[in-house]
Amino acid sequence: MNPLYRNDAPGAFPPSYYAATAEIGPERPRLDGDIRADVAVIGAGFTGLSAALHAARRGLSVVVVEAHRVGFGASGRNGGQVGTGWRMDQRWLEARTGAEAARRLWDLSQEAKCLTREMVAEFAPEARYKPGVMQGEWTDKGVAEARAYGDWLAEHYGYETEFLDREAVREVCRATVYRGGSLDWDAGHLHPLRYVLGLAKGAEAAGVKIFERTEATGIAEGEVRTAKGTIRAGHVVVAGNGYLPDIAPYVAARVMPINSFIAATEPLGDRAKDVLPKDVAVADDKFVVNYFRLSEDRRLLFGGRETYGLGFPEDILTALRRRMERLFPQLAGVGIDYHWGGTLGITMSRMPMVARIGPATFAAGGFSGHGVALTGLVGKIIAEAVAGQAGRFDLAASLPVGRFPGGAAMRAPLLTLAMTWYSLRDRLGI
């Protein structure tokens, strides 16, 4: 089944806390008829809108097509964490790309955070960017590794994080399971749907045309086909990520859609300080990761995933509540006002796929749960490449991302096996 409609009704935002607290606005028109542009973009999420915005600022005409609504996909549903670096750490990256390239890639990732803060300030101050992301460690081994990596980053990259022992963790996060961790004050968190909606308005102010409820049904060099019109363009940007239908075989062989789920509690009021004394976002070292933060009205937004099929389970909430209450027994029985799921893209290496899939066709996806900042930067460097300055794009395209064995046909069976194994490791504490 087309991933665009596997779990969602056409054009209907999920019943999320984000959708309930954002000014979504009226639906934009659908594309009806043929159109020409310098750049055609598939997907109105962070990557596609950033590429469109930055291309338009270079004087190019840009058309964006979105099968549902702006921010409908992962960009408007995620945990809102603006993380540091890439999905894998710098030691991993140095071992595969060499120290020089790894340093340049680190610099890109640092710029990604700065760019995110700048775009929030310019286009979406209502997204309320807040500093601070804590990494929680479940084991003494994890604590030792976190401390060693923090020391290594400080020594080799001049980047400072705050190490937390078990007592210090309790001053930040009252989860009962963490034996230590680290706190990164240069990372942060935001309201992702407000952010992506603001990006769309900024892109339109720069001259970008956005068509909603307009599914791309096929692409060719210099062409994007839809049900009621064709876009002919000098360049095409494929930014559909986990929701991309089967129109780009290169992408399908490298980016796997998986689902993640989030619940929003009732407002906690004074109880919030017994959950997160500091207003930071938290993720942990489980392979099947837990991630959470407080909303502006003091709800706990708690996310995680433990589902291996591509469709949503009938019961999303029970597993989420179980995970949340394991970390926070003090929230047993708390009211849940919203819960929702969404699809993201992952790769074999968990590094984003950034690629030129034709002479004038660019693609990006597979940010693997670490894309809120990186997507904006990747969109910007795609715009640079479209304008003939491909150096930074080529650097990002050098990230080690391979095909799934067997290509697209084997992605789901392999994912099921892998996630089952890693979920078992998480439960056993291996």
Protein backbone atom coordinates (compact mmCIF):
# COMPACT_ATOMS: atom_id res chain seq x y z
CA MET A 1 0.00 0.00 0.00
CA ASN A 2 1.14 3.54 -0.74
CA PRO A 3 2.90 4.78 2.45
CA LEU A 4 1.16 8.13 2.04
CA TYR A 5 -2.18 6.57 2.95
CA ARG A 6 -1.19 3.46 4.93
CA ASN A 7 -2.01 4.99 8.32
CA ASP A 8 -3.59 8.36 7.54
CA ALA A 9 -6.65 9.85 5.90
CA PRO A 10 -5.86 12.17 2.98
CA GLY A 11 -5.09 15.69 4.14
CA ALA A 12 -6.12 15.06 7.76
CA PHE A 13 -3.52 15.86 10.39
CA PRO A 14 -3.11 13.22 13.11
CA PRO A 15 -4.84 13.82 16.44
CA SER A 16 -1.67 15.17 17.98
CA TYR A 17 -0.92 17.75 20.64
CA TYR A 18 0.97 19.62 17.94
CA ALA A 19 -2.01 19.83 15.58
CA ALA A 20 -4.22 20.94 18.48
CA THR A 21 -1.85 23.81 19.35
CA ALA A 22 -0.80 25.13 15.93
CA GLU A 23 -2.49 27.59 13.58
CA ILE A 24 -2.68 25.35 10.52
CA GLY A 25 -4.62 27.68 8.26
CA PRO A 26 -6.73 26.99 5.18
CA GLU A 27 -5.74 24.35 2.65
CA ARG A 28 -3.59 25.53 -0.23
CA PRO A 29 -4.73 24.81 -3.80
CA ARG A 30 -3.95 21.59 -5.62
CA LEU A 31 -1.87 21.64 -8.78
CA ASP A 32 -4.25 21.63 -11.75
CA GLY A 33 -2.44 21.84 -15.07
CA ASP A 34 1.15 21.93 -16.23
CA ILE A 35 3.66 24.38 -14.79
CA ARG A 36 7.32 25.29 -15.27
CA ALA A 37 9.90 26.23 -12.65
CA ASP A 38 13.62 26.26 -12.09
CA VAL A 39 13.21 23.80 -9.19
CA ALA A 40 10.49 21.26 -8.39
CA VAL A 41 10.41 19.91 -4.83
CA ILE A 42 8.54 16.80 -3.67
CA GLY A 43 7.57 17.07 0.00
CA ALA A 44 6.70 20.05 2.21
CA GLY A 45 8.58 19.03 5.32
CA PHE A 46 11.77 20.46 6.80
CA THR A 47 14.07 19.30 3.99
CA GLY A 48 11.85 20.25 1.07
CA LEU A 49 10.85 23.63 2.46
CA SER A 50 14.41 24.56 3.40
CA ALA A 51 15.60 23.63 -0.11
CA ALA A 52 12.74 25.65 -1.60
CA LEU A 53 13.35 28.67 0.63
CA HIS A 54 17.07 28.82 0.01
CA ALA A 55 16.70 28.24 -3.73
CA ALA A 56 14.13 31.04 -3.94
CA ARG A 57 16.46 33.34 -2.05
CA ARG A 58 18.98 32.71 -4.83
CA GLY A 59 16.50 34.03 -7.37
CA LEU A 60 15.21 30.68 -8.63
CA SER A 61 11.54 29.90 -9.27
CA VAL A 62 10.41 27.01 -7.08
CA VAL A 63 7.32 24.79 -6.96
CA VAL A 64 6.66 22.43 -4.02
CA VAL A 65 4.12 19.61 -4.19
CA GLU A 66 2.83 17.95 -1.02
CA ALA A 67 0.54 14.92 -1.08
CA HIS A 68 -1.25 15.95 2.12
CA ARG A 69 -0.64 19.26 3.94
CA VAL A 70 2.47 21.22 4.83
CA GLY A 71 4.10 19.51 7.82
CA PHE A 72 1.79 16.51 7.60
CA GLY A 73 4.58 13.93 7.78
CA ALA A 74 7.43 13.37 10.22
CA SER A 75 8.33 17.07 10.28
CA GLY A 76 5.07 17.92 12.03
CA ARG A 77 4.83 14.87 14.31
CA ASN A 78 8.28 14.25 15.80
CA GLY A 79 9.75 14.65 19.26
CA GLY A 80 10.99 18.17 18.53
CA GLN A 81 14.59 17.53 19.61
CA VAL A 82 17.30 19.63 17.95
CA GLY A 83 20.30 17.36 18.42
CA THR A 84 24.04 17.75 18.08
CA GLY A 85 26.08 15.99 15.43
CA TRP A 86 24.92 13.12 13.26
CA ARG A 87 23.00 10.01 14.25
CA MET A 88 26.27 8.10 14.84
CA ASP A 89 29.02 9.66 16.91
CA GLN A 90 32.17 11.36 15.64
CA ARG A 91 34.47 8.46 16.52
CA TRP A 92 32.34 6.20 14.32
CA LEU A 93 32.44 8.81 11.57
CA GLU A 94 36.20 9.35 11.78
CA ALA A 95 36.78 5.59 11.45
CA ARG A 96 34.83 5.55 8.18
CA THR A 97 35.58 8.90 6.55
CA GLY A 98 38.92 9.96 8.03
CA ALA A 99 39.57 12.76 10.49
CA GLU A 100 39.52 15.63 7.97
CA ALA A 101 36.18 14.75 6.39
CA ALA A 102 34.69 13.94 9.80
CA ARG A 103 35.69 17.38 11.06
CA ARG A 104 34.05 19.08 8.07
CA LEU A 105 30.91 17.00 8.62
CA TRP A 106 30.93 17.99 12.30
CA ASP A 107 31.09 21.63 11.27
CA LEU A 108 28.06 21.10 9.03
CA SER A 109 26.13 19.60 11.92
CA GLN A 110 27.02 22.53 14.15
CA GLU A 111 25.84 24.92 11.47
CA ALA A 112 22.60 22.93 11.28
CA LYS A 113 21.74 23.86 14.87
CA CYS A 114 22.58 27.52 14.28
CA LEU A 115 20.49 27.56 11.11
CA THR A 116 17.55 26.02 12.96
CA ARG A 117 17.69 28.65 15.67
CA GLU A 118 17.94 31.39 13.02
CA MET A 119 14.98 30.09 11.02
CA VAL A 120 12.87 29.68 14.16
CA ALA A 121 13.63 33.28 15.12
CA GLU A 122 12.85 34.58 11.63
CA PHE A 123 9.87 32.47 10.60
CA ALA A 124 8.41 30.70 13.64
CA PRO A 125 9.13 32.28 17.03
CA GLU A 126 5.93 30.58 18.16
CA ALA A 127 7.83 27.27 17.90
CA ARG A 128 9.47 28.34 21.18
CA TYR A 129 12.98 26.96 20.84
CA LYS A 130 14.41 26.00 24.24
CA PRO A 131 18.02 24.96 24.97
CA GLY A 132 19.08 21.66 26.51
CA VAL A 133 19.01 17.95 25.63
CA MET A 134 19.95 15.26 28.15
CA GLN A 135 21.10 11.77 27.22
CA GLY A 136 20.14 9.21 29.85
CA GLU A 137 22.18 6.04 30.42
CA TRP A 138 20.63 2.85 31.77
CA THR A 139 23.83 1.02 32.77
CA ASP A 140 27.13 1.75 34.47
CA LYS A 141 28.83 0.79 31.22
CA GLY A 142 26.76 3.37 29.37
CA VAL A 143 27.64 6.01 31.96
CA ALA A 144 31.36 5.31 31.54
CA GLU A 145 31.06 5.45 27.76
CA ALA A 146 29.12 8.73 27.92
CA ARG A 147 31.78 10.29 30.12
CA ALA A 148 34.58 9.08 27.88
CA TYR A 149 32.86 10.39 24.76
CA GLY A 150 32.21 13.76 26.37
CA ASP A 151 35.90 14.02 27.29
CA TRP A 152 36.86 12.96 23.75
CA LEU A 153 34.63 15.61 22.16
CA ALA A 154 36.10 18.30 24.40
CA GLU A 155 39.65 17.25 23.58
CA HIS A 156 39.30 16.71 19.83
CA TYR A 157 36.51 19.12 18.85
CA GLY A 158 36.48 21.68 21.64
CA TYR A 159 32.83 20.85 22.29
CA GLU A 160 31.65 20.91 25.89
CA THR A 161 28.88 18.82 27.37
CA GLU A 162 27.99 18.44 31.05
CA PHE A 163 28.56 14.99 32.54
CA LEU A 164 25.90 13.89 35.02
CA ASP A 165 26.33 11.21 37.64
CA ARG A 166 23.28 9.50 39.08
CA GLU A 167 22.65 12.21 41.66
CA ALA A 168 23.08 14.99 39.09
CA VAL A 169 20.67 13.27 36.70
CA ARG A 170 17.99 13.51 39.37
CA GLU A 171 18.35 17.30 39.33
CA VAL A 172 17.42 17.28 35.64
CA CYS A 173 15.15 14.28 35.17
CA ARG A 174 13.33 12.24 37.81
CA ALA A 175 13.18 9.02 35.79
CA THR A 176 14.07 6.20 38.15
CA VAL A 177 16.15 4.17 35.70
CA TYR A 178 19.07 6.36 34.64
CA ARG A 179 22.45 5.80 36.31
CA GLY A 180 24.03 8.84 34.72
CA GLY A 181 24.10 10.81 31.52
CA SER A 182 25.16 13.98 29.81
CA LEU A 183 23.57 17.37 29.19
CA ASP A 184 24.11 19.31 25.97
CA TRP A 185 23.12 22.96 26.32
CA ASP A 186 23.85 23.78 22.67
CA ALA A 187 21.15 21.30 21.59
CA GLY A 188 17.50 22.07 22.22
CA HIS A 189 13.84 21.40 21.51
CA LEU A 190 10.87 23.08 19.84
CA HIS A 191 7.28 22.68 18.63
CA PRO A 192 7.94 21.01 15.27
CA LEU A 193 4.62 21.63 13.54
CA ARG A 194 4.67 25.35 14.31
CA TYR A 195 8.23 25.41 12.98
CA VAL A 196 7.44 23.71 9.67
CA LEU A 197 4.33 25.85 9.14
CA GLY A 198 6.46 28.94 9.69
CA LEU A 199 9.02 27.69 7.19
CA ALA A 200 6.27 27.32 4.60
CA LYS A 201 5.13 30.90 5.10
CA GLY A 202 8.73 32.08 4.84
CA ALA A 203 9.21 30.13 1.62
CA GLU A 204 6.03 31.58 0.14
CA ALA A 205 7.14 35.09 1.09
CA ALA A 206 10.32 34.38 -0.90
CA GLY A 207 8.23 33.44 -3.95
CA VAL A 208 7.81 29.67 -3.60
CA LYS A 209 4.55 28.15 -4.86
CA ILE A 210 3.23 25.33 -2.65
CA PHE A 211 0.52 22.97 -3.83
CA GLU A 212 -1.14 20.72 -1.23
CA ARG A 213 -3.09 17.49 -1.74
CA THR A 214 -0.91 16.99 -4.83
CA GLU A 215 0.82 13.60 -4.88
CA ALA A 216 3.88 13.12 -7.07
CA THR A 217 3.10 10.00 -9.08
CA GLY A 218 6.33 9.82 -11.06
CA ILE A 219 9.60 11.56 -11.72
CA ALA A 220 11.97 11.81 -14.64
CA GLU A 221 14.93 14.04 -15.29
CA GLY A 222 13.55 17.56 -15.23
CA GLU A 223 9.98 16.43 -14.61
CA VAL A 224 7.56 15.65 -11.77
CA ARG A 225 4.23 14.10 -12.68
CA THR A 226 1.05 14.44 -10.63
CA ALA A 227 -2.54 13.32 -11.20
CA LYS A 228 -3.62 16.60 -12.78
CA GLY A 229 -0.47 18.26 -14.00
CA THR A 230 3.22 17.99 -14.73
CA ILE A 231 5.98 20.22 -13.40
CA ARG A 232 8.84 20.73 -15.81
CA ALA A 233 11.89 22.04 -14.03
CA GLY A 234 15.61 22.43 -14.44
CA HIS A 235 16.15 20.57 -11.16
CA VAL A 236 14.11 18.13 -9.07
CA VAL A 237 14.43 17.64 -5.29
CA VAL A 238 13.01 14.42 -3.81
CA ALA A 239 12.30 15.03 -0.11
CA GLY A 240 9.47 12.64 0.74
CA ASN A 241 11.48 10.59 3.26
CA GLY A 242 9.48 7.77 4.92
CA TYR A 243 6.28 8.80 3.15
CA LEU A 244 7.76 8.69 -0.35
CA PRO A 245 5.78 6.39 -2.66
CA ASP A 246 7.67 3.99 -4.89
CA ILE A 247 8.76 6.53 -7.51
CA ALA A 248 12.52 6.70 -6.83
CA PRO A 249 14.15 3.22 -6.77
CA TYR A 250 17.51 4.60 -5.62
CA VAL A 251 15.87 6.10 -2.53
CA ALA A 252 13.64 3.09 -1.85
CA ALA A 253 16.67 0.78 -1.72
CA ARG A 254 18.34 2.95 0.93
CA VAL A 255 15.59 4.51 3.06
CA MET A 256 13.27 2.33 5.14
CA PRO A 257 10.00 3.71 6.59
CA ILE A 258 9.34 2.87 10.25
CA ASN A 259 6.82 4.16 12.75
CA SER A 260 7.25 6.01 16.02
CA PHE A 261 4.62 7.03 18.56
CA ILE A 262 4.08 9.84 21.05
CA ALA A 263 1.63 10.45 23.89
CA ALA A 264 0.82 13.76 25.56
CA THR A 265 -0.37 13.63 29.15
CA GLU A 266 -2.87 15.94 30.70
CA PRO A 267 -1.27 19.18 31.99
CA LEU A 268 0.80 18.22 35.03
CA GLY A 269 0.90 21.59 36.77
CA ASP A 270 3.15 21.44 39.82
CA ARG A 271 3.67 17.70 39.23
CA ALA A 272 5.87 18.58 36.26
CA LYS A 273 8.80 19.40 38.55
CA ASP A 274 8.66 15.83 39.84
CA VAL A 275 9.19 14.60 36.27
CA LEU A 276 11.54 17.13 34.66
CA PRO A 277 12.84 19.73 37.12
CA LYS A 278 14.63 21.39 34.20
CA ASP A 279 12.86 22.26 30.95
CA VAL A 280 15.09 20.14 28.72
CA ALA A 281 14.43 17.34 26.27
CA VAL A 282 15.63 13.83 27.10
CA ALA A 283 16.53 10.78 25.04
CA ASP A 284 18.18 7.61 26.26
CA ASP A 285 20.64 4.97 25.11
CA LYS A 286 18.12 2.22 24.38
CA PHE A 287 18.16 1.04 20.77
CA VAL A 288 14.36 1.26 20.92
CA VAL A 289 14.74 4.77 22.22
CA ASN A 290 12.62 6.66 24.75
CA TYR A 291 12.40 10.41 24.20
CA PHE A 292 10.42 13.02 26.08
CA ARG A 293 10.09 16.65 27.13
CA LEU A 294 7.56 19.05 28.61
CA SER A 295 5.18 21.09 26.50
CA GLU A 296 4.64 24.78 27.14
CA ASP A 297 1.51 23.93 29.17
CA ARG A 298 3.45 21.39 31.26
CA ARG A 299 2.33 18.15 29.68
CA LEU A 300 4.81 15.32 29.31
CA LEU A 301 5.29 14.52 25.63
CA PHE A 302 6.59 10.95 25.73
CA GLY A 303 7.71 9.08 22.63
CA GLY A 304 9.13 5.70 21.72
CA ARG A 305 8.64 2.86 19.30
CA GLU A 306 8.29 -0.85 19.62
CA THR A 307 6.36 -1.93 16.56
CA TYR A 308 7.77 -3.84 13.65
CA GLY A 309 5.03 -3.78 11.01
CA LEU A 310 4.69 -0.83 8.66
CA GLY A 311 1.09 -0.22 9.68
CA PHE A 312 0.18 1.29 13.02
CA PRO A 313 -0.96 -1.20 15.68
CA GLU A 314 -4.60 -1.02 16.70
CA ASP A 315 -3.57 -0.07 20.23
CA ILE A 316 -0.86 2.60 20.27
CA LEU A 317 -1.41 3.84 23.80
CA THR A 318 -0.97 0.75 25.99
CA ALA A 319 2.66 0.14 25.03
CA LEU A 320 3.47 3.85 25.26
CA ARG A 321 1.95 4.13 28.73
CA ARG A 322 3.85 1.04 29.88
CA ARG A 323 7.14 2.54 28.73
CA MET A 324 6.35 5.92 30.27
CA GLU A 325 5.32 4.49 33.63
CA ARG A 326 8.42 2.31 33.78
CA LEU A 327 10.50 5.48 33.67
CA PHE A 328 8.10 7.54 35.76
CA PRO A 329 6.17 5.38 38.25
CA GLN A 330 4.96 8.64 39.78
CA LEU A 331 2.79 9.12 36.66
CA ALA A 332 0.90 5.84 37.04
CA GLY A 333 -2.66 6.38 35.86
CA VAL A 334 -2.07 9.94 34.65
CA GLY A 335 -4.52 11.15 32.03
CA ILE A 336 -3.43 10.98 28.39
CA ASP A 337 -5.07 13.66 26.25
CA TYR A 338 -3.41 12.91 22.90
CA HIS A 339 -1.54 10.06 21.26
CA TRP A 340 -0.40 9.67 17.68
CA GLY A 341 2.01 7.94 15.37
CA GLY A 342 4.09 8.89 12.39
CA THR A 343 6.49 7.49 9.84
CA LEU A 344 10.15 8.37 9.59
CA GLY A 345 12.95 7.13 7.37
CA ILE A 346 16.01 5.18 8.51
CA THR A 347 19.05 3.87 6.67
CA MET A 348 21.29 0.87 7.22
CA SER A 349 23.98 3.02 8.84
CA ARG A 350 21.53 5.44 10.52
CA MET A 351 23.24 8.26 8.63
CA PRO A 352 21.13 10.39 6.27
CA MET A 353 21.07 9.57 2.59
CA VAL A 354 22.01 12.67 0.60
CA ALA A 355 22.43 11.88 -3.08
CA ARG A 356 22.33 13.08 -6.65
CA ILE A 357 20.12 10.44 -8.27
CA GLY A 358 20.24 12.00 -11.72
CA PRO A 359 22.23 14.78 -13.42
CA ALA A 360 19.79 17.39 -12.07
CA THR A 361 17.83 15.34 -9.52
CA PHE A 362 18.68 15.46 -5.82
CA ALA A 363 17.32 13.39 -2.96
CA ALA A 364 17.59 13.35 0.82
CA GLY A 365 16.04 11.22 3.54
CA GLY A 366 16.70 8.60 6.18
CA PHE A 367 17.63 10.99 8.99
CA SER A 368 16.88 8.15 11.40
CA GLY A 369 15.24 10.13 14.17
CA HIS A 370 17.93 12.83 14.20
CA GLY A 371 16.66 15.21 11.55
CA VAL A 372 15.09 18.30 13.07
CA ALA A 373 18.27 20.33 12.62
CA LEU A 374 20.06 18.37 9.89
CA THR A 375 17.12 18.50 7.48
CA GLY A 376 17.20 22.28 7.31
CA LEU A 377 20.93 22.33 6.63
CA VAL A 378 20.65 19.57 4.01
CA GLY A 379 17.89 21.53 2.29
CA LYS A 380 20.15 24.57 2.21
CA ILE A 381 23.09 22.69 0.69
CA ILE A 382 20.80 21.12 -1.91
CA ALA A 383 19.87 24.67 -2.93
CA GLU A 384 23.58 25.47 -3.13
CA ALA A 385 24.13 22.47 -5.42
CA VAL A 386 21.21 23.49 -7.62
CA ALA A 387 22.87 26.89 -7.96
CA GLY A 388 26.14 25.24 -9.03
CA GLN A 389 28.00 25.24 -5.69
CA ALA A 390 28.13 21.51 -4.93
CA GLY A 391 31.09 21.28 -2.54
CA ARG A 392 29.10 21.00 0.68
CA PHE A 393 26.46 18.83 -0.96
CA ASP A 394 29.16 16.41 -2.14
CA LEU A 395 30.55 16.29 1.40
CA ALA A 396 27.15 15.33 2.82
CA ALA A 397 26.69 12.84 -0.02
CA SER A 398 29.90 11.12 1.13
CA LEU A 399 28.21 9.94 4.34
CA PRO A 400 28.38 6.13 4.47
CA VAL A 401 24.91 4.94 3.49
CA GLY A 402 24.46 1.63 1.71
CA ARG A 403 21.60 -0.27 0.16
CA PHE A 404 19.49 -2.57 2.26
CA PRO A 405 20.48 -6.14 1.30
CA GLY A 406 17.98 -7.21 -1.32
CA GLY A 407 16.92 -3.60 -1.91
CA ALA A 408 13.44 -2.29 -1.19
CA ALA A 409 11.81 -5.73 -1.26
CA MET A 410 13.80 -6.98 1.74
CA ARG A 411 13.66 -3.86 3.92
CA ALA A 412 10.64 -4.83 6.00
CA PRO A 413 11.69 -8.44 6.81
CA LEU A 414 15.19 -7.29 7.73
CA LEU A 415 13.80 -4.50 9.90
CA THR A 416 11.54 -6.92 11.75
CA LEU A 417 14.45 -9.24 12.53
CA ALA A 418 16.76 -6.41 13.58
CA MET A 419 14.24 -4.58 15.75
CA THR A 420 13.15 -7.79 17.44
CA TRP A 421 16.78 -8.57 18.30
CA TYR A 422 17.58 -5.09 19.59
CA SER A 423 14.33 -4.91 21.55
CA LEU A 424 15.35 -8.16 23.26
CA ARG A 425 18.79 -6.69 24.03
CA ASP A 426 17.11 -3.64 25.57
CA ARG A 427 14.94 -5.82 27.80
CA LEU A 428 17.89 -7.95 28.92
CA GLY A 429 20.12 -4.92 29.46
CA ILE A 430 22.82 -6.28 27.15
